[in-house]
């Protein structure tokens, strides 16, 4: 009896099982990251006063950041870190359908009224609030040691 390579359907089945396993781990790991993430103050790139201005609240997973951004030339593209690029499809789907991006500055530079800030308890636990200069769960702003 000859014992060569496994037949093509058997190899495809093994590949399919491995691929589905990878997709399951990928999806479940992102769900955990998203569940433990939070809102951050960010720039969309659509409002510029020389540089991009903070104009949106955007959901980010606990680790890794990714967003759809308008660059200086007017083109749209991804702005992310390494983990953000890895999870980019899931982060962008999450930002578009589950945790929709909240615009607080209109394109003419005026604030949206009433101010649509998410609850403080939902801010990102690891990224300091750019407006208050503190992490969301601290009661007072950080003071410099004397």
Protein backbone atom coordinates (compact mmCIF):
# COMPACT_ATOMS: atom_id res chain seq x y z
CA UNK A 1 0.00 0.00 0.00
CA UNK A 2 1.35 3.37 -1.01
CA UNK A 3 1.27 6.14 1.67
CA UNK A 4 1.81 9.37 -0.24
CA UNK A 5 0.28 12.76 0.29
CA UNK A 6 -3.31 12.95 1.54
CA UNK A 7 -5.97 13.35 -1.11
CA UNK A 8 -6.98 16.82 -2.24
CA UNK A 9 -10.43 16.80 -0.54
CA UNK A 10 -8.80 15.80 2.76
CA UNK A 11 -6.27 18.65 2.53
CA UNK A 12 -9.04 21.11 1.71
CA UNK A 13 -11.07 19.90 4.68
CA UNK A 14 -8.07 20.34 7.02
CA UNK A 15 -7.42 23.79 5.61
CA UNK A 16 -11.11 24.71 5.99
CA UNK A 17 -11.21 23.55 9.62
CA UNK A 18 -8.01 25.46 10.39
CA UNK A 19 -9.29 28.58 8.67
CA UNK A 20 -12.63 28.46 10.52
CA UNK A 21 -10.74 27.98 13.79
CA UNK A 22 -8.60 31.04 13.03
CA UNK A 23 -11.70 33.11 12.15
CA UNK A 24 -13.39 32.03 15.39
CA UNK A 25 -10.40 33.05 17.52
CA UNK A 26 -10.01 36.31 15.54
CA UNK A 27 -13.68 37.24 16.01
CA UNK A 28 -13.88 36.22 19.69
CA UNK A 29 -10.67 38.07 20.56
CA UNK A 30 -11.98 41.24 18.91
CA UNK A 31 -15.29 40.97 20.75
CA UNK A 32 -13.37 40.94 24.05
CA UNK A 33 -11.22 43.90 22.94
CA UNK A 34 -14.28 45.88 21.84
CA UNK A 35 -16.25 45.06 24.99
CA UNK A 36 -13.38 46.39 27.13
CA UNK A 37 -12.69 49.43 24.89
CA UNK A 38 -14.23 52.87 24.96
CA UNK A 39 -14.78 56.26 23.40
CA UNK A 40 -11.86 58.53 22.50
CA UNK A 41 -11.73 62.11 21.25
CA UNK A 42 -10.28 62.03 17.76
CA UNK A 43 -10.00 63.81 14.40
CA UNK A 44 -11.89 62.75 11.29
CA UNK A 45 -9.60 64.85 9.08
CA UNK A 46 -12.66 66.52 7.55
CA UNK A 47 -12.36 69.69 9.66
CA UNK A 48 -8.98 71.41 9.39
CA UNK A 49 -7.56 74.62 10.75
CA UNK A 50 -4.03 74.16 9.38
CA UNK A 51 -4.01 70.69 11.04
CA UNK A 52 -6.84 68.26 11.67
CA UNK A 53 -9.02 69.31 14.62
CA UNK A 54 -10.59 67.08 17.28
CA UNK A 55 -14.17 66.80 16.03
CA UNK A 56 -15.47 63.31 16.81
CA UNK A 57 -15.92 60.77 19.56
CA UNK A 58 -14.85 57.42 18.17
CA UNK A 59 -14.99 53.92 19.64
CA UNK A 60 -11.69 52.07 19.90
CA UNK A 61 -10.99 48.57 21.23
CA UNK A 62 -8.95 48.25 24.42
CA UNK A 63 -5.74 47.57 22.47
CA UNK A 64 -5.09 48.68 18.93
CA UNK A 65 -6.46 51.77 17.20
CA UNK A 66 -7.86 52.16 13.71
CA UNK A 67 -9.96 54.77 11.96
CA UNK A 68 -11.07 55.92 8.54
CA UNK A 69 -9.31 59.29 8.13
CA UNK A 70 -9.30 62.08 5.55
CA UNK A 71 -5.70 62.97 4.71
CA UNK A 72 -4.44 66.43 3.72
CA UNK A 73 -4.82 65.76 -0.01
CA UNK A 74 -8.51 64.92 0.44
CA UNK A 75 -8.06 61.16 0.06
CA UNK A 76 -9.52 58.80 2.65
CA UNK A 77 -7.50 55.98 4.14
CA UNK A 78 -6.74 54.02 7.27
CA UNK A 79 -4.87 55.51 10.20
CA UNK A 80 -3.91 52.75 12.63
CA UNK A 81 -1.25 51.06 14.70
CA UNK A 82 -0.09 47.47 14.00
CA UNK A 83 -2.83 45.79 16.00
CA UNK A 84 -5.32 48.22 14.51
CA UNK A 85 -4.36 47.15 10.98
CA UNK A 86 -4.76 43.49 11.99
CA UNK A 87 -8.27 44.09 13.36
CA UNK A 88 -9.16 46.84 10.84
CA UNK A 89 -12.12 45.07 9.18
CA UNK A 90 -13.76 44.38 12.55
CA UNK A 91 -12.95 47.80 14.04
CA UNK A 92 -14.40 49.62 11.01
CA UNK A 93 -17.53 47.45 11.06
CA UNK A 94 -17.88 48.12 14.80
CA UNK A 95 -17.49 51.89 14.32
CA UNK A 96 -19.99 51.94 11.48
CA UNK A 97 -22.74 49.66 12.82
CA UNK A 98 -22.38 49.06 16.58
CA UNK A 99 -20.56 52.02 18.16
CA UNK A 100 -21.31 54.74 15.63
CA UNK A 101 -18.90 57.66 15.53
CA UNK A 102 -20.31 60.81 17.17
CA UNK A 103 -19.55 64.18 15.57
CA UNK A 104 -19.43 67.07 18.07
CA UNK A 105 -18.03 69.78 15.74
CA UNK A 106 -19.78 70.57 12.48
CA UNK A 107 -17.74 71.11 9.31
CA UNK A 108 -18.19 74.88 9.73
CA UNK A 109 -16.46 74.67 13.14
CA UNK A 110 -19.54 75.16 15.36
CA UNK A 111 -20.41 72.76 18.16
CA UNK A 112 -23.35 70.40 17.82
CA UNK A 113 -26.03 71.36 20.36
CA UNK A 114 -26.74 69.73 22.73
CA UNK A 115 -23.18 68.47 23.12
CA UNK A 116 -23.36 64.73 22.28
CA UNK A 117 -20.68 63.44 24.68
CA UNK A 118 -20.85 59.77 25.67
CA UNK A 119 -21.11 58.99 29.40
CA UNK A 120 -17.81 59.39 31.25
CA UNK A 121 -17.96 55.73 32.32
CA UNK A 122 -17.76 54.69 28.65
CA UNK A 123 -14.56 56.57 27.81
CA UNK A 124 -11.55 54.46 26.87
CA UNK A 125 -9.91 53.10 30.04
CA UNK A 126 -6.32 53.46 28.76
CA UNK A 127 -6.35 56.67 26.71
CA UNK A 128 -6.43 60.06 28.45
CA UNK A 129 -9.23 62.46 27.56
CA UNK A 130 -7.66 65.21 25.42
CA UNK A 131 -10.02 67.84 26.82
CA UNK A 132 -9.72 67.06 30.53
CA UNK A 133 -6.15 65.72 30.39
CA UNK A 134 -6.99 62.74 32.54
CA UNK A 135 -8.13 59.16 32.35
CA UNK A 136 -11.91 58.86 32.62
CA UNK A 137 -12.03 57.06 35.95
CA UNK A 138 -9.96 59.55 37.91
CA UNK A 139 -11.87 62.08 39.97
CA UNK A 140 -9.43 64.98 39.60
CA UNK A 141 -7.07 66.02 36.82
CA UNK A 142 -3.51 64.82 37.15
CA UNK A 143 -1.27 67.30 38.87
CA UNK A 144 2.46 67.58 38.33
CA UNK A 145 4.62 66.40 41.23
CA UNK A 146 6.24 69.25 43.10
